[in-house]
Amino acid sequence: IYLQANLHVTYSAQTASITNDGINNLNYRISQLADEFENS
């Protein structure tokens, strides 16, 4: 199982809801999830 990180958006495409900091936080949590499951 490959958990792919979400792509960032451009600086100008960031909004109040979608920011690259928010994407980084989500990607970090997804990377931790890979450690919870074997062969991921």
PDB file of all heavy atoms in Angstrom:
ATOM      1  N   ILE A   1       0.846  -1.196   0.000  1.00  0.00           N
ATOM      2  CA  ILE A   1       0.000   0.000   0.000  1.00  0.00           C
ATOM      3  C   ILE A   1       0.880   1.244   0.000  1.00  0.00           C
ATOM      4  O   ILE A   1       1.766   1.386   0.846  1.00  0.00           O
ATOM      5  CB  ILE A   1      -0.937   0.027   1.218  1.00  0.00           C
ATOM      6  CG1 ILE A   1      -1.830  -1.218   1.227  1.00  0.00           C
ATOM      7  CG2 ILE A   1      -1.787   1.294   1.206  1.00  0.00           C
ATOM      8  CD1 ILE A   1      -2.737  -1.301   2.442  1.00  0.00           C
ATOM      9  N   TYR A   2       0.655   2.121  -0.957  1.00  0.00           N
ATOM     10  CA  TYR A   2       1.368   3.388  -1.038  1.00  0.00           C
ATOM     11  C   TYR A   2       0.391   4.514  -0.693  1.00  0.00           C
ATOM     12  O   TYR A   2      -0.616   4.718  -1.391  1.00  0.00           O
ATOM     13  CB  TYR A   2       1.911   3.632  -2.441  1.00  0.00           C
ATOM     14  CG  TYR A   2       2.973   2.666  -2.890  1.00  0.00           C
ATOM     15  CD1 TYR A   2       2.638   1.485  -3.542  1.00  0.00           C
ATOM     16  CD2 TYR A   2       4.329   2.929  -2.685  1.00  0.00           C
ATOM     17  CE1 TYR A   2       3.615   0.598  -3.970  1.00  0.00           C
ATOM     18  CE2 TYR A   2       5.314   2.057  -3.110  1.00  0.00           C
ATOM     19  CZ  TYR A   2       4.946   0.895  -3.752  1.00  0.00           C
ATOM     20  OH  TYR A   2       5.916   0.021  -4.183  1.00  0.00           O
ATOM     21  N   LEU A   3       0.671   5.230   0.381  1.00  0.00           N
ATOM     22  CA  LEU A   3      -0.110   6.405   0.735  1.00  0.00           C
ATOM     23  C   LEU A   3       0.615   7.622   0.159  1.00  0.00           C
ATOM     24  O   LEU A   3       1.705   7.988   0.604  1.00  0.00           O
ATOM     25  CB  LEU A   3      -0.243   6.527   2.252  1.00  0.00           C
ATOM     26  CG  LEU A   3      -1.169   5.491   2.900  1.00  0.00           C
ATOM     27  CD1 LEU A   3      -1.018   5.513   4.415  1.00  0.00           C
ATOM     28  CD2 LEU A   3      -2.615   5.745   2.514  1.00  0.00           C
ATOM     29  N   GLN A   4       0.014   8.230  -0.858  1.00  0.00           N
ATOM     30  CA  GLN A   4       0.645   9.361  -1.523  1.00  0.00           C
ATOM     31  C   GLN A   4       0.301  10.670  -0.818  1.00  0.00           C
ATOM     32  O   GLN A   4      -0.862  10.913  -0.472  1.00  0.00           O
ATOM     33  CB  GLN A   4       0.197   9.450  -2.982  1.00  0.00           C
ATOM     34  CG  GLN A   4       0.617   8.277  -3.846  1.00  0.00           C
ATOM     35  CD  GLN A   4       0.399   8.585  -5.315  1.00  0.00           C
ATOM     36  OE1 GLN A   4       1.208   9.283  -5.950  1.00  0.00           O
ATOM     37  NE2 GLN A   4      -0.689   8.084  -5.869  1.00  0.00           N
ATOM     38  N   ALA A   5       1.302  11.504  -0.647  1.00  0.00           N
ATOM     39  CA  ALA A   5       1.069  12.830  -0.081  1.00  0.00           C
ATOM     40  C   ALA A   5       0.223  13.654  -1.042  1.00  0.00           C
ATOM     41  O   ALA A   5       0.305  13.513  -2.268  1.00  0.00           O
ATOM     42  CB  ALA A   5       2.399  13.528   0.175  1.00  0.00           C
ATOM     43  N   ASN A   6      -0.601  14.514  -0.483  1.00  0.00           N
ATOM     44  CA  ASN A   6      -1.372  15.444  -1.313  1.00  0.00           C
ATOM     45  C   ASN A   6      -0.461  16.520  -1.877  1.00  0.00           C
ATOM     46  O   ASN A   6       0.424  17.041  -1.175  1.00  0.00           O
ATOM     47  CB  ASN A   6      -2.479  16.085  -0.486  1.00  0.00           C
ATOM     48  CG  ASN A   6      -3.611  15.128  -0.194  1.00  0.00           C
ATOM     49  OD1 ASN A   6      -4.491  14.932  -1.031  1.00  0.00           O
ATOM     50  ND2 ASN A   6      -3.594  14.517   0.975  1.00  0.00           N
ATOM     51  N   LEU A   7      -0.667  16.851  -3.134  1.00  0.00           N
ATOM     52  CA  LEU A   7       0.111  17.929  -3.744  1.00  0.00           C
ATOM     53  C   LEU A   7      -0.208  19.261  -3.073  1.00  0.00           C
ATOM     54  O   LEU A   7      -1.349  19.520  -2.684  1.00  0.00           O
ATOM     55  CB  LEU A   7      -0.204  18.043  -5.235  1.00  0.00           C
ATOM     56  CG  LEU A   7       0.393  17.031  -6.212  1.00  0.00           C
ATOM     57  CD1 LEU A   7       0.063  17.456  -7.627  1.00  0.00           C
ATOM     58  CD2 LEU A   7       1.886  16.890  -6.027  1.00  0.00           C
ATOM     59  N   HIS A   8       0.803  20.098  -2.982  1.00  0.00           N
ATOM     60  CA  HIS A   8       0.577  21.472  -2.541  1.00  0.00           C
ATOM     61  C   HIS A   8      -0.163  22.248  -3.625  1.00  0.00           C
ATOM     62  O   HIS A   8      -0.267  21.799  -4.772  1.00  0.00           O
ATOM     63  CB  HIS A   8       1.911  22.155  -2.242  1.00  0.00           C
ATOM     64  CG  HIS A   8       2.623  21.575  -1.068  1.00  0.00           C
ATOM     65  ND1 HIS A   8       3.993  21.454  -1.003  1.00  0.00           N
ATOM     66  CD2 HIS A   8       2.151  21.069   0.102  1.00  0.00           C
ATOM     67  CE1 HIS A   8       4.338  20.920   0.158  1.00  0.00           C
ATOM     68  NE2 HIS A   8       3.243  20.670   0.838  1.00  0.00           N
ATOM     69  N   VAL A   9      -0.644  23.400  -3.278  1.00  0.00           N
ATOM     70  CA  VAL A   9      -1.219  24.330  -4.246  1.00  0.00           C
ATOM     71  C   VAL A   9      -0.264  25.511  -4.372  1.00  0.00           C
ATOM     72  O   VAL A   9       0.655  25.671  -3.575  1.00  0.00           O
ATOM     73  CB  VAL A   9      -2.620  24.796  -3.796  1.00  0.00           C
ATOM     74  CG1 VAL A   9      -3.576  23.614  -3.730  1.00  0.00           C
ATOM     75  CG2 VAL A   9      -2.568  25.512  -2.443  1.00  0.00           C
ATOM     76  N   THR A  10      -0.494  26.346  -5.380  1.00  0.00           N
ATOM     77  CA  THR A  10       0.351  27.527  -5.527  1.00  0.00           C
ATOM     78  C   THR A  10       0.057  28.503  -4.393  1.00  0.00           C
ATOM     79  O   THR A  10      -0.975  28.416  -3.719  1.00  0.00           O
ATOM     80  CB  THR A  10       0.106  28.216  -6.874  1.00  0.00           C
ATOM     81  OG1 THR A  10      -1.273  28.602  -6.955  1.00  0.00           O
ATOM     82  CG2 THR A  10       0.450  27.301  -8.039  1.00  0.00           C
ATOM     83  N   TYR A  11       0.956  29.444  -4.217  1.00  0.00           N
ATOM     84  CA  TYR A  11       0.775  30.437  -3.147  1.00  0.00           C
ATOM     85  C   TYR A  11      -0.528  31.198  -3.323  1.00  0.00           C
ATOM     86  O   TYR A  11      -1.284  31.402  -2.373  1.00  0.00           O
ATOM     87  CB  TYR A  11       1.954  31.405  -3.148  1.00  0.00           C
ATOM     88  CG  TYR A  11       1.825  32.503  -2.122  1.00  0.00           C
ATOM     89  CD1 TYR A  11       2.135  32.269  -0.784  1.00  0.00           C
ATOM     90  CD2 TYR A  11       1.376  33.775  -2.498  1.00  0.00           C
ATOM     91  CE1 TYR A  11       2.005  33.270   0.164  1.00  0.00           C
ATOM     92  CE2 TYR A  11       1.249  34.784  -1.558  1.00  0.00           C
ATOM     93  CZ  TYR A  11       1.557  34.532  -0.228  1.00  0.00           C
ATOM     94  OH  TYR A  11       1.414  35.528   0.708  1.00  0.00           O
ATOM     95  N   SER A  12      -0.822  31.584  -4.566  1.00  0.00           N
ATOM     96  CA  SER A  12      -2.027  32.395  -4.820  1.00  0.00           C
ATOM     97  C   SER A  12      -3.302  31.570  -4.757  1.00  0.00           C
ATOM     98  O   SER A  12      -4.394  32.134  -4.625  1.00  0.00           O
ATOM     99  CB  SER A  12      -1.919  33.073  -6.191  1.00  0.00           C
ATOM    100  OG  SER A  12      -1.796  32.103  -7.215  1.00  0.00           O
ATOM    101  N   ALA A  13      -3.201  30.244  -4.844  1.00  0.00           N
ATOM    102  CA  ALA A  13      -4.401  29.389  -4.821  1.00  0.00           C
ATOM    103  C   ALA A  13      -4.835  29.049  -3.404  1.00  0.00           C
ATOM    104  O   ALA A  13      -5.898  28.442  -3.208  1.00  0.00           O
ATOM    105  CB  ALA A  13      -4.147  28.103  -5.606  1.00  0.00           C
ATOM    106  N   GLN A  14      -4.040  29.420  -2.409  1.00  0.00           N
ATOM    107  CA  GLN A  14      -4.430  29.152  -1.030  1.00  0.00           C
ATOM    108  C   GLN A  14      -5.646  29.997  -0.646  1.00  0.00           C
ATOM    109  O   GLN A  14      -5.799  31.123  -1.083  1.00  0.00           O
ATOM    110  CB  GLN A  14      -3.263  29.452  -0.085  1.00  0.00           C
ATOM    111  CG  GLN A  14      -2.051  28.565  -0.306  1.00  0.00           C
ATOM    112  CD  GLN A  14      -0.925  28.883   0.658  1.00  0.00           C
ATOM    113  OE1 GLN A  14      -0.728  28.218   1.662  1.00  0.00           O
ATOM    114  NE2 GLN A  14      -0.178  29.935   0.333  1.00  0.00           N
ATOM    115  N   THR A  15      -6.501  29.410   0.161  1.00  0.00           N
ATOM    116  CA  THR A  15      -7.697  30.099   0.643  1.00  0.00           C
ATOM    117  C   THR A  15      -7.737  29.989   2.164  1.00  0.00           C
ATOM    118  O   THR A  15      -6.840  29.413   2.782  1.00  0.00           O
ATOM    119  CB  THR A  15      -8.966  29.469   0.046  1.00  0.00           C
ATOM    120  OG1 THR A  15      -9.099  28.121   0.542  1.00  0.00           O
ATOM    121  CG2 THR A  15      -8.911  29.447  -1.474  1.00  0.00           C
ATOM    122  N   ALA A  16      -8.788  30.510   2.743  1.00  0.00           N
ATOM    123  CA  ALA A  16      -8.944  30.392   4.192  1.00  0.00           C
ATOM    124  C   ALA A  16      -9.108  28.943   4.606  1.00  0.00           C
ATOM    125  O   ALA A  16      -8.748  28.550   5.722  1.00  0.00           O
ATOM    126  CB  ALA A  16     -10.150  31.213   4.651  1.00  0.00           C
ATOM    127  N   SER A  17      -9.634  28.110   3.712  1.00  0.00           N
ATOM    128  CA  SER A  17      -9.878  26.692   4.028  1.00  0.00           C
ATOM    129  C   SER A  17      -8.727  25.796   3.605  1.00  0.00           C
ATOM    130  O   SER A  17      -8.410  24.812   4.286  1.00  0.00           O
ATOM    131  CB  SER A  17     -11.170  26.225   3.347  1.00  0.00           C
ATOM    132  OG  SER A  17     -12.277  26.966   3.795  1.00  0.00           O
ATOM    133  N   ILE A  18      -8.116  26.098   2.473  1.00  0.00           N
ATOM    134  CA  ILE A  18      -7.050  25.250   1.936  1.00  0.00           C
ATOM    135  C   ILE A  18      -5.752  26.031   1.917  1.00  0.00           C
ATOM    136  O   ILE A  18      -5.595  26.988   1.152  1.00  0.00           O
ATOM    137  CB  ILE A  18      -7.395  24.764   0.512  1.00  0.00           C
ATOM    138  CG1 ILE A  18      -8.682  23.951   0.521  1.00  0.00           C
ATOM    139  CG2 ILE A  18      -6.262  23.916  -0.050  1.00  0.00           C
ATOM    140  CD1 ILE A  18      -9.131  23.472  -0.847  1.00  0.00           C
ATOM    141  N   THR A  19      -4.837  25.644   2.761  1.00  0.00           N
ATOM    142  CA  THR A  19      -3.507  26.240   2.818  1.00  0.00           C
ATOM    143  C   THR A  19      -2.477  25.129   2.738  1.00  0.00           C
ATOM    144  O   THR A  19      -2.759  23.967   3.043  1.00  0.00           O
ATOM    145  CB  THR A  19      -3.295  27.026   4.122  1.00  0.00           C
ATOM    146  OG1 THR A  19      -3.318  26.106   5.230  1.00  0.00           O
ATOM    147  CG2 THR A  19      -4.378  28.087   4.309  1.00  0.00           C
ATOM    148  N   ASN A  20      -1.271  25.492   2.357  1.00  0.00           N
ATOM    149  CA  ASN A  20      -0.212  24.488   2.304  1.00  0.00           C
ATOM    150  C   ASN A  20       0.189  24.013   3.697  1.00  0.00           C
ATOM    151  O   ASN A  20       0.626  22.872   3.867  1.00  0.00           O
ATOM    152  CB  ASN A  20       0.995  25.029   1.538  1.00  0.00           C
ATOM    153  CG  ASN A  20       0.762  25.027   0.033  1.00  0.00           C
ATOM    154  OD1 ASN A  20       0.046  24.166  -0.490  1.00  0.00           O
ATOM    155  ND2 ASN A  20       1.348  25.977  -0.668  1.00  0.00           N
ATOM    156  N   ASP A  21       0.031  24.870   4.686  1.00  0.00           N
ATOM    157  CA  ASP A  21       0.273  24.414   6.060  1.00  0.00           C
ATOM    158  C   ASP A  21      -0.745  23.343   6.445  1.00  0.00           C
ATOM    159  O   ASP A  21      -0.398  22.341   7.091  1.00  0.00           O
ATOM    160  CB  ASP A  21       0.184  25.590   7.032  1.00  0.00           C
ATOM    161  CG  ASP A  21       1.400  26.498   6.962  1.00  0.00           C
ATOM    162  OD1 ASP A  21       2.446  26.046   6.453  1.00  0.00           O
ATOM    163  OD2 ASP A  21       1.304  27.662   7.413  1.00  0.00           O
ATOM    164  N   GLY A  22      -1.989  23.541   6.062  1.00  0.00           N
ATOM    165  CA  GLY A  22      -3.013  22.543   6.332  1.00  0.00           C
ATOM    166  C   GLY A  22      -2.751  21.248   5.586  1.00  0.00           C
ATOM    167  O   GLY A  22      -2.961  20.151   6.123  1.00  0.00           O
ATOM    168  N   ILE A  23      -2.287  21.358   4.337  1.00  0.00           N
ATOM    169  CA  ILE A  23      -1.950  20.175   3.546  1.00  0.00           C
ATOM    170  C   ILE A  23      -0.778  19.440   4.182  1.00  0.00           C
ATOM    171  O   ILE A  23      -0.766  18.200   4.264  1.00  0.00           O
ATOM    172  CB  ILE A  23      -1.633  20.575   2.092  1.00  0.00           C
ATOM    173  CG1 ILE A  23      -2.897  21.106   1.413  1.00  0.00           C
ATOM    174  CG2 ILE A  23      -1.068  19.396   1.312  1.00  0.00           C
ATOM    175  CD1 ILE A  23      -2.665  21.694   0.038  1.00  0.00           C
ATOM    176  N   ASN A  24       0.219  20.191   4.657  1.00  0.00           N
ATOM    177  CA  ASN A  24       1.367  19.562   5.319  1.00  0.00           C
ATOM    178  C   ASN A  24       0.944  18.808   6.578  1.00  0.00           C
ATOM    179  O   ASN A  24       1.452  17.715   6.859  1.00  0.00           O
ATOM    180  CB  ASN A  24       2.412  20.618   5.682  1.00  0.00           C
ATOM    181  CG  ASN A  24       3.150  21.148   4.470  1.00  0.00           C
ATOM    182  OD1 ASN A  24       3.231  20.474   3.439  1.00  0.00           O
ATOM    183  ND2 ASN A  24       3.690  22.349   4.576  1.00  0.00           N
ATOM    184  N   ASN A  25       0.034  19.390   7.331  1.00  0.00           N
ATOM    185  CA  ASN A  25      -0.445  18.734   8.541  1.00  0.00           C
ATOM    186  C   ASN A  25      -1.168  17.434   8.202  1.00  0.00           C
ATOM    187  O   ASN A  25      -0.959  16.393   8.844  1.00  0.00           O
ATOM    188  CB  ASN A  25      -1.373  19.664   9.316  1.00  0.00           C
ATOM    189  CG  ASN A  25      -1.867  19.042  10.610  1.00  0.00           C
ATOM    190  OD1 ASN A  25      -1.096  18.491  11.389  1.00  0.00           O
ATOM    191  ND2 ASN A  25      -3.171  19.117  10.859  1.00  0.00           N
ATOM    192  N   LEU A  26      -2.011  17.480   7.169  1.00  0.00           N
ATOM    193  CA  LEU A  26      -2.726  16.281   6.738  1.00  0.00           C
ATOM    194  C   LEU A  26      -1.742  15.227   6.233  1.00  0.00           C
ATOM    195  O   LEU A  26      -1.865  14.036   6.560  1.00  0.00           O
ATOM    196  CB  LEU A  26      -3.739  16.631   5.650  1.00  0.00           C
ATOM    197  CG  LEU A  26      -4.514  15.455   5.050  1.00  0.00           C
ATOM    198  CD1 LEU A  26      -5.309  14.717   6.117  1.00  0.00           C
ATOM    199  CD2 LEU A  26      -5.432  15.931   3.924  1.00  0.00           C
ATOM    200  N   ASN A  27      -0.763  15.649   5.442  1.00  0.00           N
ATOM    201  CA  ASN A  27       0.230  14.705   4.928  1.00  0.00           C
ATOM    202  C   ASN A  27       1.014  14.048   6.056  1.00  0.00           C
ATOM    203  O   ASN A  27       1.343  12.852   5.996  1.00  0.00           O
ATOM    204  CB  ASN A  27       1.195  15.413   3.974  1.00  0.00           C
ATOM    205  CG  ASN A  27       0.556  15.723   2.632  1.00  0.00           C
ATOM    206  OD1 ASN A  27      -0.477  15.143   2.270  1.00  0.00           O
ATOM    207  ND2 ASN A  27       1.163  16.617   1.886  1.00  0.00           N
ATOM    208  N   TYR A  28       1.327  14.815   7.089  1.00  0.00           N
ATOM    209  CA  TYR A  28       2.047  14.253   8.233  1.00  0.00           C
ATOM    210  C   TYR A  28       1.224  13.170   8.923  1.00  0.00           C
ATOM    211  O   TYR A  28       1.742  12.103   9.263  1.00  0.00           O
ATOM    212  CB  TYR A  28       2.408  15.359   9.221  1.00  0.00           C
ATOM    213  CG  TYR A  28       3.033  14.831  10.498  1.00  0.00           C
ATOM    214  CD1 TYR A  28       4.312  14.282  10.502  1.00  0.00           C
ATOM    215  CD2 TYR A  28       2.314  14.868  11.700  1.00  0.00           C
ATOM    216  CE1 TYR A  28       4.873  13.788  11.676  1.00  0.00           C
ATOM    217  CE2 TYR A  28       2.870  14.380  12.866  1.00  0.00           C
ATOM    218  CZ  TYR A  28       4.148  13.836  12.850  1.00  0.00           C
ATOM    219  OH  TYR A  28       4.695  13.334  14.007  1.00  0.00           O
ATOM    220  N   ARG A  29      -0.055  13.426   9.107  1.00  0.00           N
ATOM    221  CA  ARG A  29      -0.913  12.436   9.748  1.00  0.00           C
ATOM    222  C   ARG A  29      -1.051  11.199   8.869  1.00  0.00           C
ATOM    223  O   ARG A  29      -1.123  10.066   9.369  1.00  0.00           O
ATOM    224  CB  ARG A  29      -2.284  13.042  10.044  1.00  0.00           C
ATOM    225  CG  ARG A  29      -2.269  14.153  11.085  1.00  0.00           C
ATOM    226  CD  ARG A  29      -1.826  13.632  12.450  1.00  0.00           C
ATOM    227  NE  ARG A  29      -2.705  12.590  12.950  1.00  0.00           N
ATOM    228  CZ  ARG A  29      -3.837  12.810  13.623  1.00  0.00           C
ATOM    229  NH1 ARG A  29      -4.203  14.073  13.891  1.00  0.00           N
ATOM    230  NH2 ARG A  29      -4.568  11.812  14.042  1.00  0.00           N
ATOM    231  N   ILE A  30      -1.087  11.384   7.563  1.00  0.00           N
ATOM    232  CA  ILE A  30      -1.155  10.244   6.647  1.00  0.00           C
ATOM    233  C   ILE A  30       0.137   9.432   6.717  1.00  0.00           C
ATOM    234  O   ILE A  30       0.116   8.197   6.672  1.00  0.00           O
ATOM    235  CB  ILE A  30      -1.427  10.721   5.207  1.00  0.00           C
ATOM    236  CG1 ILE A  30      -2.834  11.327   5.123  1.00  0.00           C
ATOM    237  CG2 ILE A  30      -1.281   9.576   4.213  1.00  0.00           C
ATOM    238  CD1 ILE A  30      -3.146  11.976   3.783  1.00  0.00           C
ATOM    239  N   SER A  31       1.281  10.107   6.846  1.00  0.00           N
ATOM    240  CA  SER A  31       2.557   9.394   6.971  1.00  0.00           C
ATOM    241  C   SER A  31       2.593   8.561   8.244  1.00  0.00           C
ATOM    242  O   SER A  31       3.161   7.457   8.265  1.00  0.00           O
ATOM    243  CB  SER A  31       3.726  10.382   6.949  1.00  0.00           C
ATOM    244  OG  SER A  31       3.794  11.137   8.161  1.00  0.00           O
ATOM    245  N   GLN A  32       1.999   9.049   9.319  1.00  0.00           N
ATOM    246  CA  GLN A  32       1.916   8.266  10.551  1.00  0.00           C
ATOM    247  C   GLN A  32       1.013   7.056  10.367  1.00  0.00           C
ATOM    248  O   GLN A  32       1.280   5.986  10.935  1.00  0.00           O
ATOM    249  CB  GLN A  32       1.373   9.142  11.687  1.00  0.00           C
ATOM    250  CG  GLN A  32       2.336  10.211  12.178  1.00  0.00           C
ATOM    251  CD  GLN A  32       1.763  11.003  13.340  1.00  0.00           C
ATOM    252  OE1 GLN A  32       0.605  11.434  13.309  1.00  0.00           O
ATOM    253  NE2 GLN A  32       2.548  11.183  14.385  1.00  0.00           N
ATOM    254  N   LEU A  33      -0.024   7.200   9.563  1.00  0.00           N
ATOM    255  CA  LEU A  33      -0.931   6.090   9.306  1.00  0.00           C
ATOM    256  C   LEU A  33      -0.214   4.949   8.600  1.00  0.00           C
ATOM    257  O   LEU A  33      -0.513   3.770   8.851  1.00  0.00           O
ATOM    258  CB  LEU A  33      -2.113   6.575   8.459  1.00  0.00           C
ATOM    259  CG  LEU A  33      -3.255   5.584   8.237  1.00  0.00           C
ATOM    260  CD1 LEU A  33      -3.928   5.240   9.559  1.00  0.00           C
ATOM    261  CD2 LEU A  33      -4.267   6.169   7.257  1.00  0.00           C
ATOM    262  N   ALA A  34       0.741   5.281   7.760  1.00  0.00           N
ATOM    263  CA  ALA A  34       1.500   4.238   7.062  1.00  0.00           C
ATOM    264  C   ALA A  34       2.255   3.354   8.044  1.00  0.00           C
ATOM    265  O   ALA A  34       2.464   2.164   7.789  1.00  0.00           O
ATOM    266  CB  ALA A  34       2.473   4.871   6.066  1.00  0.00           C
ATOM    267  N   ASP A  35       2.660   3.923   9.183  1.00  0.00           N
ATOM    268  CA  ASP A  35       3.381   3.137  10.192  1.00  0.00           C
ATOM    269  C   ASP A  35       2.460   2.200  10.966  1.00  0.00           C
ATOM    270  O   ASP A  35       2.936   1.268  11.616  1.00  0.00           O
ATOM    271  CB  ASP A  35       4.092   4.077  11.176  1.00  0.00           C
ATOM    272  CG  ASP A  35       5.176   4.903  10.507  1.00  0.00           C
ATOM    273  OD1 ASP A  35       5.736   4.428   9.499  1.00  0.00           O
ATOM    274  OD2 ASP A  35       5.460   6.017  10.982  1.00  0.00           O
ATOM    275  N   GLU A  36       1.166   2.446  10.908  1.00  0.00           N
ATOM    276  CA  GLU A  36       0.223   1.633  11.667  1.00  0.00           C
ATOM    277  C   GLU A  36      -0.133   0.324  10.961  1.00  0.00           C
ATOM    278  O   GLU A  36      -0.607  -0.617  11.607  1.00  0.00           O
ATOM    279  CB  GLU A  36      -1.069   2.421  11.931  1.00  0.00           C
ATOM    280  CG  GLU A  36      -0.879   3.657  12.801  1.00  0.00           C
ATOM    281  CD  GLU A  36      -2.188   4.388  13.025  1.00  0.00           C
ATOM    282  OE1 GLU A  36      -3.259   3.749  12.833  1.00  0.00           O
ATOM    283  OE2 GLU A  36      -2.148   5.581  13.378  1.00  0.00           O
ATOM    284  N   PHE A  37       0.080   0.280   9.658  1.00  0.00           N
ATOM    285  CA  PHE A  37      -0.329  -0.889   8.883  1.00  0.00           C
ATOM    286  C   PHE A  37       0.891  -1.535   8.234  1.00  0.00           C
ATOM    287  O   PHE A  37       1.768  -0.860   7.694  1.00  0.00           O
ATOM    288  CB  PHE A  37      -1.334  -0.486   7.798  1.00  0.00           C
ATOM    289  CG  PHE A  37      -2.687  -0.098   8.338  1.00  0.00           C
ATOM    290  CD1 PHE A  37      -2.920   1.192   8.795  1.00  0.00           C
ATOM    291  CD2 PHE A  37      -3.706  -1.026   8.404  1.00  0.00           C
ATOM    292  CE1 PHE A  37      -4.172   1.561   9.288  1.00  0.00           C
ATOM    293  CE2 PHE A  37      -4.958  -0.675   8.901  1.00  0.00           C
ATOM    294  CZ  PHE A  37      -5.184   0.611   9.345  1.00  0.00           C
ATOM    295  N   GLU A  38       0.918  -2.850   8.291  1.00  0.00           N
ATOM    296  CA  GLU A  38       2.037  -3.597   7.735  1.00  0.00           C
ATOM    297  C   GLU A  38       2.083  -3.451   6.216  1.00  0.00           C
ATOM    298  O   GLU A  38       1.053  -3.379   5.549  1.00  0.00           O
ATOM    299  CB  GLU A  38       1.898  -5.073   8.111  1.00  0.00           C
ATOM    300  CG  GLU A  38       3.070  -5.942   7.688  1.00  0.00           C
ATOM    301  CD  GLU A  38       2.901  -7.385   8.122  1.00  0.00           C
ATOM    302  OE1 GLU A  38       1.869  -7.704   8.753  1.00  0.00           O
ATOM    303  OE2 GLU A  38       3.794  -8.189   7.829  1.00  0.00           O
ATOM    304  N   ASN A  39       3.302  -3.409   5.698  1.00  0.00           N
ATOM    305  CA  ASN A  39       3.539  -3.343   4.254  1.00  0.00           C
ATOM    306  C   ASN A  39       2.905  -2.100   3.635  1.00  0.00           C
ATOM    307  O   ASN A  39       2.414  -2.134   2.508  1.00  0.00           O
ATOM    308  CB  ASN A  39       2.999  -4.602   3.564  1.00  0.00           C
ATOM    309  CG  ASN A  39       3.755  -4.932   2.290  1.00  0.00           C
ATOM    310  OD1 ASN A  39       4.871  -4.461   2.070  1.00  0.00           O
ATOM    311  ND2 ASN A  39       3.162  -5.744   1.439  1.00  0.00           N
ATOM    312  N   SER A  40       2.927  -0.990   4.381  1.00  0.00           N
ATOM    313  CA  SER A  40       2.383   0.280   3.900  1.00  0.00           C
ATOM    314  C   SER A  40       3.482   1.337   3.923  1.00  0.00           C
ATOM    315  O   SER A  40       4.284   1.382   4.855  1.00  0.00           O
ATOM    316  CB  SER A  40       1.208   0.725   4.776  1.00  0.00           C
ATOM    317  OG  SER A  40       0.193  -0.249   4.779  1.00  0.00           O
TER     318      SER A  40
END
